[in-house]
N, C-alpha and C. Protein backbone atom coordinates (compact mmCIF):
# COMPACT_ATOMS: atom_id res chain seq x y z
N MET A 1 -31.47 -51.79 -20.14
CA MET A 1 -32.38 -52.13 -21.36
C MET A 1 -33.63 -52.61 -20.58
N PRO A 2 -34.78 -52.37 -21.06
CA PRO A 2 -36.11 -52.10 -20.25
C PRO A 2 -36.68 -53.50 -20.18
N GLU A 3 -37.36 -54.26 -19.28
CA GLU A 3 -37.96 -55.64 -19.35
C GLU A 3 -38.29 -55.70 -20.65
N SER A 4 -39.05 -54.89 -21.44
CA SER A 4 -40.17 -55.47 -22.78
C SER A 4 -38.92 -55.24 -23.81
N ASP A 5 -37.58 -55.20 -23.61
CA ASP A 5 -36.64 -55.16 -24.89
C ASP A 5 -35.98 -56.51 -24.52
N ARG A 6 -35.86 -57.17 -23.71
CA ARG A 6 -34.77 -58.54 -23.43
C ARG A 6 -35.42 -59.48 -24.07
N PRO A 7 -34.66 -60.21 -24.47
CA PRO A 7 -34.76 -61.10 -25.48
C PRO A 7 -35.66 -62.42 -24.71
N GLU A 8 -36.33 -63.35 -25.27
CA GLU A 8 -37.14 -63.91 -25.08
C GLU A 8 -36.95 -65.14 -24.25
N SER A 9 -35.70 -65.55 -25.51
CA SER A 9 -35.24 -67.07 -25.37
C SER A 9 -34.03 -67.49 -25.77
N ALA A 10 -33.55 -68.42 -25.15
CA ALA A 10 -31.84 -68.26 -25.55
C ALA A 10 -31.60 -68.29 -27.15
N THR A 11 -32.70 -68.76 -27.87
CA THR A 11 -32.40 -68.74 -29.46
C THR A 11 -32.07 -67.06 -29.67
N GLU A 12 -33.20 -66.36 -29.33
CA GLU A 12 -33.02 -64.63 -29.76
C GLU A 12 -31.52 -64.53 -29.09
N ILE A 13 -30.92 -64.84 -27.78
CA ILE A 13 -29.73 -64.60 -27.41
C ILE A 13 -28.72 -64.82 -28.36
N ASP A 14 -28.77 -66.45 -28.55
CA ASP A 14 -28.04 -66.75 -29.69
C ASP A 14 -28.18 -65.69 -30.94
N GLY A 15 -28.62 -65.64 -31.29
CA GLY A 15 -29.14 -64.75 -32.56
C GLY A 15 -28.54 -63.29 -32.11
N LEU A 16 -28.54 -62.73 -31.56
CA LEU A 16 -27.87 -61.54 -30.96
C LEU A 16 -26.39 -61.51 -30.82
N LEU A 17 -26.11 -62.50 -30.06
CA LEU A 17 -24.41 -62.77 -29.59
C LEU A 17 -24.02 -62.95 -31.47
N ASP A 18 -24.73 -63.64 -32.39
CA ASP A 18 -24.22 -63.80 -34.02
C ASP A 18 -24.06 -62.78 -34.40
N ARG A 19 -24.99 -62.02 -34.40
CA ARG A 19 -25.02 -60.62 -34.89
C ARG A 19 -23.73 -59.39 -34.41
N LEU A 20 -23.51 -59.67 -33.10
CA LEU A 20 -22.88 -59.02 -32.37
C LEU A 20 -21.18 -59.49 -32.68
N THR A 21 -21.10 -60.37 -33.12
CA THR A 21 -19.66 -61.27 -33.08
C THR A 21 -19.63 -60.78 -34.54
N ALA A 22 -20.57 -60.88 -35.54
CA ALA A 22 -20.24 -60.78 -36.99
C ALA A 22 -19.82 -58.99 -37.20
N SER A 23 -20.64 -58.40 -36.54
CA SER A 23 -20.18 -56.98 -36.55
C SER A 23 -18.54 -56.43 -36.26
N VAL A 24 -18.30 -57.44 -34.77
CA VAL A 24 -16.74 -57.33 -34.12
C VAL A 24 -16.12 -57.92 -35.67
N GLU A 25 -16.52 -58.75 -35.98
CA GLU A 25 -15.19 -59.15 -37.16
C GLU A 25 -15.31 -58.43 -38.15
N ARG A 26 -16.46 -57.97 -38.78
CA ARG A 26 -16.32 -56.82 -39.69
C ARG A 26 -15.27 -55.64 -39.28
N VAL A 27 -15.30 -55.04 -38.34
CA VAL A 27 -15.15 -54.02 -37.75
C VAL A 27 -13.36 -54.56 -37.57
N LEU A 28 -12.67 -55.46 -36.96
CA LEU A 28 -11.80 -56.15 -37.06
C LEU A 28 -10.91 -56.15 -38.49
N ALA A 29 -11.73 -56.90 -39.25
CA ALA A 29 -11.16 -56.59 -40.74
C ALA A 29 -11.11 -55.30 -41.34
N ASP A 30 -12.18 -54.59 -41.20
CA ASP A 30 -11.92 -53.18 -41.38
C ASP A 30 -10.61 -52.62 -41.06
N TYR A 31 -10.37 -52.69 -39.85
CA TYR A 31 -9.43 -52.21 -39.01
C TYR A 31 -7.87 -52.47 -39.62
N GLU A 32 -7.68 -54.00 -39.82
CA GLU A 32 -6.73 -54.62 -40.28
C GLU A 32 -6.63 -54.13 -41.78
N ALA A 33 -7.71 -53.91 -42.74
CA ALA A 33 -7.40 -53.36 -43.95
C ALA A 33 -6.90 -51.81 -43.83
N LEU A 34 -7.41 -50.98 -42.93
CA LEU A 34 -6.91 -50.00 -42.94
C LEU A 34 -5.36 -49.46 -42.75
N ARG A 35 -5.16 -50.69 -41.42
CA ARG A 35 -3.54 -50.62 -40.99
C ARG A 35 -2.88 -50.92 -42.16
N ALA A 36 -3.14 -51.92 -43.10
CA ALA A 36 -2.19 -52.64 -44.19
C ALA A 36 -2.26 -51.32 -45.07
N ARG A 37 -3.27 -50.82 -45.27
CA ARG A 37 -3.00 -49.74 -46.28
C ARG A 37 -2.06 -48.20 -45.59
N SER A 38 -2.23 -48.45 -44.81
CA SER A 38 -1.26 -46.83 -43.87
C SER A 38 -0.33 -47.48 -44.05
N ALA A 39 0.37 -48.85 -43.54
CA ALA A 39 1.55 -49.22 -43.79
C ALA A 39 2.11 -48.77 -45.43
N GLU A 40 1.14 -49.55 -46.11
CA GLU A 40 1.23 -49.31 -47.61
C GLU A 40 1.93 -48.04 -48.11
N MET A 41 0.81 -47.09 -47.53
CA MET A 41 1.21 -46.05 -47.73
C MET A 41 2.25 -45.06 -47.47
N ALA A 42 2.79 -45.25 -46.06
CA ALA A 42 4.12 -45.20 -45.63
C ALA A 42 4.98 -45.24 -45.94
N ASN A 43 5.25 -46.54 -46.65
CA ASN A 43 6.44 -47.12 -47.44
C ASN A 43 6.28 -46.54 -48.90
N GLN A 44 5.23 -46.46 -49.30
CA GLN A 44 5.13 -45.32 -50.73
C GLN A 44 5.66 -44.00 -50.34
N TYR A 45 5.47 -43.67 -49.55
CA TYR A 45 5.92 -42.41 -49.00
C TYR A 45 7.32 -42.16 -48.74
N ALA A 46 8.00 -43.14 -48.15
CA ALA A 46 9.43 -43.15 -47.58
C ALA A 46 10.05 -43.66 -49.32
N SER A 47 9.31 -44.08 -50.29
CA SER A 47 10.03 -44.48 -51.58
C SER A 47 10.05 -42.90 -52.18
N LEU A 48 9.10 -42.35 -52.12
CA LEU A 48 9.21 -41.22 -52.96
C LEU A 48 9.66 -40.08 -52.14
N ARG A 49 10.06 -40.47 -51.35
CA ARG A 49 11.35 -39.24 -50.70
C ARG A 49 12.40 -39.63 -51.11
N GLU A 50 12.81 -40.97 -50.94
CA GLU A 50 13.91 -41.35 -51.45
C GLU A 50 14.53 -40.80 -52.81
N ALA A 51 13.23 -41.40 -53.69
CA ALA A 51 13.55 -40.90 -55.12
C ALA A 51 13.67 -39.44 -55.34
N LEU A 52 12.97 -38.88 -54.66
CA LEU A 52 13.22 -36.93 -54.74
C LEU A 52 14.54 -36.94 -54.24
N ALA A 53 15.27 -37.49 -53.22
CA ALA A 53 16.55 -37.12 -52.70
C ALA A 53 17.46 -37.62 -53.86
N GLY A 54 17.19 -38.84 -54.58
CA GLY A 54 17.83 -38.82 -55.46
C GLY A 54 18.39 -38.16 -56.62
N THR A 55 17.05 -37.68 -57.10
CA THR A 55 17.09 -36.33 -58.30
C THR A 55 17.96 -35.32 -57.96
N GLY A 56 18.39 -35.03 -56.59
CA GLY A 56 18.45 -33.89 -56.00
C GLY A 56 17.30 -32.55 -56.09
N GLY A 57 16.05 -33.04 -56.06
CA GLY A 57 15.20 -32.45 -56.33
C GLY A 57 14.93 -31.72 -54.63
N GLU A 58 14.05 -30.24 -54.64
CA GLU A 58 14.12 -29.70 -53.30
C GLU A 58 13.04 -30.72 -52.47
N ASP A 59 12.87 -30.39 -51.26
CA ASP A 59 11.96 -30.74 -50.41
C ASP A 59 10.73 -30.67 -50.83
N PRO A 60 9.72 -31.05 -50.88
CA PRO A 60 8.31 -30.58 -50.93
C PRO A 60 7.50 -29.95 -50.11
N GLY A 61 8.43 -30.29 -48.40
CA GLY A 61 7.70 -29.61 -47.21
C GLY A 61 8.04 -27.89 -47.27
N ASP A 62 8.40 -27.32 -48.69
CA ASP A 62 8.65 -25.88 -48.29
C ASP A 62 8.18 -25.25 -49.45
N ILE A 63 6.82 -25.80 -49.63
CA ILE A 63 6.14 -25.56 -51.34
C ILE A 63 5.58 -24.01 -51.17
N ASP A 64 5.33 -23.67 -49.86
CA ASP A 64 4.45 -22.25 -49.90
C ASP A 64 5.71 -21.23 -50.06
N GLU A 65 7.29 -21.61 -50.03
CA GLU A 65 8.52 -20.95 -49.93
C GLU A 65 8.54 -20.85 -51.79
N ARG A 66 8.05 -21.89 -52.34
CA ARG A 66 8.23 -21.91 -53.50
C ARG A 66 7.56 -21.42 -54.47
N LEU A 67 6.10 -21.57 -54.03
CA LEU A 67 5.00 -20.82 -54.85
C LEU A 67 5.26 -19.07 -54.40
N SER A 68 5.80 -18.99 -53.75
CA SER A 68 5.96 -17.44 -53.25
C SER A 68 7.08 -16.81 -54.06
N ARG A 69 8.06 -17.74 -54.28
CA ARG A 69 9.29 -17.71 -55.34
C ARG A 69 8.70 -17.11 -56.59
N LEU A 70 7.97 -18.69 -57.29
CA LEU A 70 7.42 -18.30 -58.47
C LEU A 70 6.77 -17.32 -58.70
N ALA A 71 5.74 -16.53 -58.07
CA ALA A 71 4.62 -15.94 -58.12
C ALA A 71 5.82 -14.19 -58.09
N ALA A 72 6.75 -14.14 -56.94
CA ALA A 72 7.54 -13.13 -57.26
C ALA A 72 8.41 -13.43 -58.46
N GLU A 73 8.80 -14.18 -58.97
CA GLU A 73 9.57 -14.16 -60.46
C GLU A 73 8.28 -14.06 -61.85
N ASN A 74 7.40 -14.58 -61.70
CA ASN A 74 6.13 -14.13 -62.30
C ASN A 74 6.01 -12.53 -62.55
N ARG A 75 5.85 -11.93 -61.42
CA ARG A 75 5.65 -10.68 -61.40
C ARG A 75 6.97 -9.68 -62.59
N GLU A 76 7.96 -10.20 -61.74
CA GLU A 76 9.08 -9.63 -62.44
C GLU A 76 9.03 -9.54 -63.98
N LEU A 77 9.01 -10.88 -64.57
CA LEU A 77 8.49 -11.28 -66.13
C LEU A 77 7.64 -10.27 -66.33
N ARG A 78 6.59 -10.42 -65.73
CA ARG A 78 5.60 -9.86 -66.73
C ARG A 78 6.02 -7.95 -66.56
N GLU A 79 6.42 -7.76 -65.58
CA GLU A 79 6.85 -6.06 -65.90
C GLU A 79 8.18 -6.21 -66.75
N ILE A 80 9.25 -7.06 -66.89
CA ILE A 80 10.03 -7.11 -68.31
C ILE A 80 9.21 -6.64 -69.59
N LEU A 81 8.21 -7.62 -69.57
CA LEU A 81 7.38 -7.77 -70.68
C LEU A 81 6.53 -6.52 -70.72
N LEU A 82 6.04 -5.71 -69.89
CA LEU A 82 5.29 -4.64 -70.37
C LEU A 82 6.36 -3.64 -70.75
N GLU A 83 7.57 -3.54 -70.33
CA GLU A 83 8.62 -2.90 -70.37
C GLU A 83 9.07 -2.94 -71.76
N ALA A 84 9.06 -4.08 -72.38
CA ALA A 84 9.82 -4.28 -73.71
C ALA A 84 8.08 -4.14 -74.60
N LYS A 85 7.13 -4.09 -74.22
CA LYS A 85 6.27 -3.64 -75.53
C LYS A 85 5.74 -2.48 -75.45
N GLU A 86 6.38 -1.71 -74.17
CA GLU A 86 6.35 -0.06 -74.34
C GLU A 86 7.29 0.28 -75.12
N ARG A 87 8.64 -0.11 -75.03
CA ARG A 87 9.73 -0.07 -75.98
C ARG A 87 9.70 -0.16 -77.44
N ALA A 88 8.77 -1.55 -77.56
CA ALA A 88 9.02 -1.43 -78.77
C ALA A 88 7.25 -0.34 -79.82
N VAL A 89 6.45 -0.23 -78.81
CA VAL A 89 5.66 1.34 -79.42
C VAL A 89 6.26 2.14 -79.79
N ARG A 90 7.25 2.49 -78.52
CA ARG A 90 8.27 3.65 -79.32
C ARG A 90 9.08 3.79 -80.36
N LEU A 91 9.72 2.55 -80.70
CA LEU A 91 10.67 2.22 -81.70
C LEU A 91 9.91 2.32 -82.75
N ARG A 92 8.30 2.00 -82.82
CA ARG A 92 7.32 1.78 -84.13
C ARG A 92 7.29 2.78 -84.15
N LYS A 93 7.00 4.05 -83.33
CA LYS A 93 6.51 5.40 -83.70
C LYS A 93 7.56 6.37 -84.31
N ARG A 94 9.03 5.86 -84.00
CA ARG A 94 10.11 6.25 -84.25
C ARG A 94 10.44 6.26 -85.66
N LEU A 95 10.14 5.30 -85.69
CA LEU A 95 10.31 4.28 -87.00
C LEU A 95 9.23 5.00 -88.33
N ALA A 96 8.07 4.94 -87.87
CA ALA A 96 6.88 5.91 -88.48
C ALA A 96 7.69 7.15 -89.14
N VAL A 97 7.99 8.04 -88.02
CA VAL A 97 8.64 9.18 -88.34
C VAL A 97 9.69 9.55 -89.21
N VAL A 98 10.60 7.93 -89.20
CA VAL A 98 11.77 8.49 -89.98
C VAL A 98 11.09 7.95 -91.08
N GLU A 99 10.30 6.88 -91.68
CA GLU A 99 10.12 6.49 -92.66
C GLU A 99 9.11 7.70 -93.26
N ASP A 100 8.64 8.32 -92.51
CA ASP A 100 7.57 9.81 -93.27
C ASP A 100 8.70 11.03 -93.72
N GLU A 101 10.00 11.03 -92.75
CA GLU A 101 10.72 12.15 -93.43
C GLU A 101 11.76 11.50 -94.60
N VAL A 102 11.40 10.20 -94.81
CA VAL A 102 12.61 9.75 -96.02
C VAL A 102 11.63 9.94 -97.32
């Protein structure tokens, strides 16, 4: 700290120490609040995992695998739907031909 930035009197030093003390107290209070929130979140996480296990649900850790399976199932269902639509079109055409013959 340069000589020109040094406090001139004991009053200035006391003021600086008071501001530093207040800052440290705020930081400590924020730290304690974060620590308490973290503990609360850990408890909620444990409760949710326990509730999930109680329902027989799957572990959410394999969500990517579950999404891949759902995407594959959706593709298969889309193919089945397209085949059904094509079959319906063919049946309508045949029905139209039969109706024309009758």
